[in-house]
């Protein structure tokens, strides 16, 4: 295994960042003495297998521990969910020419008060 990828914490950190590194090996040198790198298929396949196992263990741990599951969900939502939908209050909306006896529903009033 490539140095650095033999540590499960390093692999887990890559997974948390949605990264899947490919392990390469030096197969020779070009005329400028720069290394020629090629994918190490065997080591990369082993790394992918470890990644799958870590993902499965993590998913199993989170789904079987309600407290950690809620903590992870809250942390993710607080960090990543930044969209706040505007709420409009159309309760004071008056529309001239509306047929007598016709009353708008609350969602219709709210939509009518939105500034487009």
Protein backbone atom coordinates (compact mmCIF):
# COMPACT_ATOMS: atom_id res chain seq x y z
CA UNK A 1 0.00 0.00 0.00
CA UNK A 2 1.18 3.52 -0.79
CA UNK A 3 2.55 5.54 2.18
CA UNK A 4 -0.25 7.55 3.78
CA UNK A 5 -3.02 5.32 2.48
CA UNK A 6 -2.26 2.58 5.00
CA UNK A 7 -3.83 4.75 7.71
CA UNK A 8 -7.64 4.39 7.95
CA UNK A 9 -7.96 7.96 9.27
CA UNK A 10 -6.30 9.32 6.12
CA UNK A 11 -8.60 7.25 3.92
CA UNK A 12 -11.64 8.34 5.95
CA UNK A 13 -10.65 12.01 5.59
CA UNK A 14 -10.47 11.59 1.81
CA UNK A 15 -13.94 10.03 1.85
CA UNK A 16 -15.33 12.90 3.93
CA UNK A 17 -14.01 15.29 1.29
CA UNK A 18 -15.55 13.17 -1.52
CA UNK A 19 -12.10 12.44 -2.88
CA UNK A 20 -10.93 9.11 -4.24
CA UNK A 21 -7.19 9.30 -4.77
CA UNK A 22 -5.56 7.01 -7.27
CA UNK A 23 -2.32 5.37 -6.26
CA UNK A 24 0.48 5.74 -8.77
CA UNK A 25 3.92 4.25 -9.03
CA UNK A 26 7.07 5.40 -10.76
CA UNK A 27 7.77 3.17 -13.73
CA UNK A 28 10.79 5.00 -15.08
CA UNK A 29 12.22 8.40 -15.90
CA UNK A 30 11.99 10.55 -19.01
CA UNK A 31 14.93 12.21 -20.76
CA UNK A 32 14.73 15.15 -18.27
CA UNK A 33 14.97 12.78 -15.27
CA UNK A 34 11.34 13.44 -14.34
CA UNK A 35 9.50 10.39 -13.01
CA UNK A 36 7.02 8.62 -15.25
CA UNK A 37 4.00 7.66 -13.17
CA UNK A 38 1.41 5.05 -13.95
CA UNK A 39 -1.62 3.93 -11.99
CA UNK A 40 -0.89 1.08 -9.61
CA UNK A 41 -4.02 -0.95 -10.39
CA UNK A 42 -3.55 -3.45 -7.56
CA UNK A 43 -3.00 -0.88 -4.81
CA UNK A 44 -5.79 1.36 -6.11
CA UNK A 45 -8.19 -1.62 -6.14
CA UNK A 46 -7.19 -2.43 -2.55
CA UNK A 47 -7.78 1.21 -1.60
CA UNK A 48 -11.25 1.17 -3.20
CA UNK A 49 -12.06 -1.99 -1.25
CA UNK A 50 -10.98 -0.33 2.01
CA UNK A 51 -13.04 2.75 1.12
CA UNK A 52 -16.15 0.62 0.59
CA UNK A 53 -15.60 -1.14 3.90
CA UNK A 54 -15.10 2.14 5.78
CA UNK A 55 -18.21 3.66 4.18
CA UNK A 56 -20.26 0.60 5.13
CA UNK A 57 -18.98 0.61 8.73
CA UNK A 58 -19.65 4.34 9.07
CA UNK A 59 -23.17 4.06 7.63
CA UNK A 60 -23.89 1.10 9.94
CA UNK A 61 -22.58 2.98 12.97
CA UNK A 62 -24.59 6.12 12.23
CA UNK A 63 -27.84 4.30 11.47
CA UNK A 64 -27.56 2.23 14.67
CA UNK A 65 -26.77 5.17 16.98
CA UNK A 66 -29.65 7.60 17.12
CA UNK A 67 -27.79 10.24 19.14
CA UNK A 68 -24.86 10.37 16.71
CA UNK A 69 -27.22 10.23 13.76
CA UNK A 70 -29.09 13.31 15.01
CA UNK A 71 -25.82 15.09 15.85
CA UNK A 72 -24.43 14.41 12.38
CA UNK A 73 -27.66 15.53 10.72
CA UNK A 74 -27.78 18.76 12.73
CA UNK A 75 -24.11 19.51 12.08
CA UNK A 76 -24.52 18.93 8.35
CA UNK A 77 -27.66 21.06 8.16
CA UNK A 78 -26.13 23.92 10.15
CA UNK A 79 -23.04 23.91 7.98
CA UNK A 80 -24.46 23.31 4.51
CA UNK A 81 -28.11 24.38 4.40
CA UNK A 82 -27.93 28.11 3.80
CA UNK A 83 -31.07 28.72 1.76
CA UNK A 84 -33.86 30.43 3.65
CA UNK A 85 -37.09 30.74 1.74
CA UNK A 86 -38.86 34.07 2.08
CA UNK A 87 -42.21 34.01 3.76
CA UNK A 88 -44.80 36.51 2.64
CA UNK A 89 -47.72 37.73 4.68
CA UNK A 90 -50.63 38.62 2.46
CA UNK A 91 -53.16 38.89 5.28
CA UNK A 92 -53.59 42.65 4.62
CA UNK A 93 -53.76 42.28 0.84
CA UNK A 94 -56.77 43.92 -0.79
CA UNK A 95 -57.53 43.36 -4.46
CA UNK A 96 -59.83 45.88 -6.15
CA UNK A 97 -62.28 44.34 -8.55
CA UNK A 98 -62.38 40.92 -6.91
CA UNK A 99 -65.83 39.35 -7.28
CA UNK A 100 -68.10 39.80 -4.29
CA UNK A 101 -68.17 36.83 -1.97
CA UNK A 102 -64.89 35.50 -3.30
CA UNK A 103 -62.19 35.16 -0.72
CA UNK A 104 -58.59 34.36 -1.48
CA UNK A 105 -57.03 31.46 0.34
CA UNK A 106 -54.03 32.29 2.57
CA UNK A 107 -51.47 30.86 0.12
CA UNK A 108 -53.04 32.96 -2.67
CA UNK A 109 -52.76 36.13 -0.58
CA UNK A 110 -49.16 35.30 0.32
CA UNK A 111 -48.28 34.74 -3.32
CA UNK A 112 -49.98 37.99 -4.29
CA UNK A 113 -47.90 39.96 -1.81
CA UNK A 114 -44.55 38.65 -3.12
CA UNK A 115 -42.42 41.15 -4.99
CA UNK A 116 -41.45 39.64 -8.31
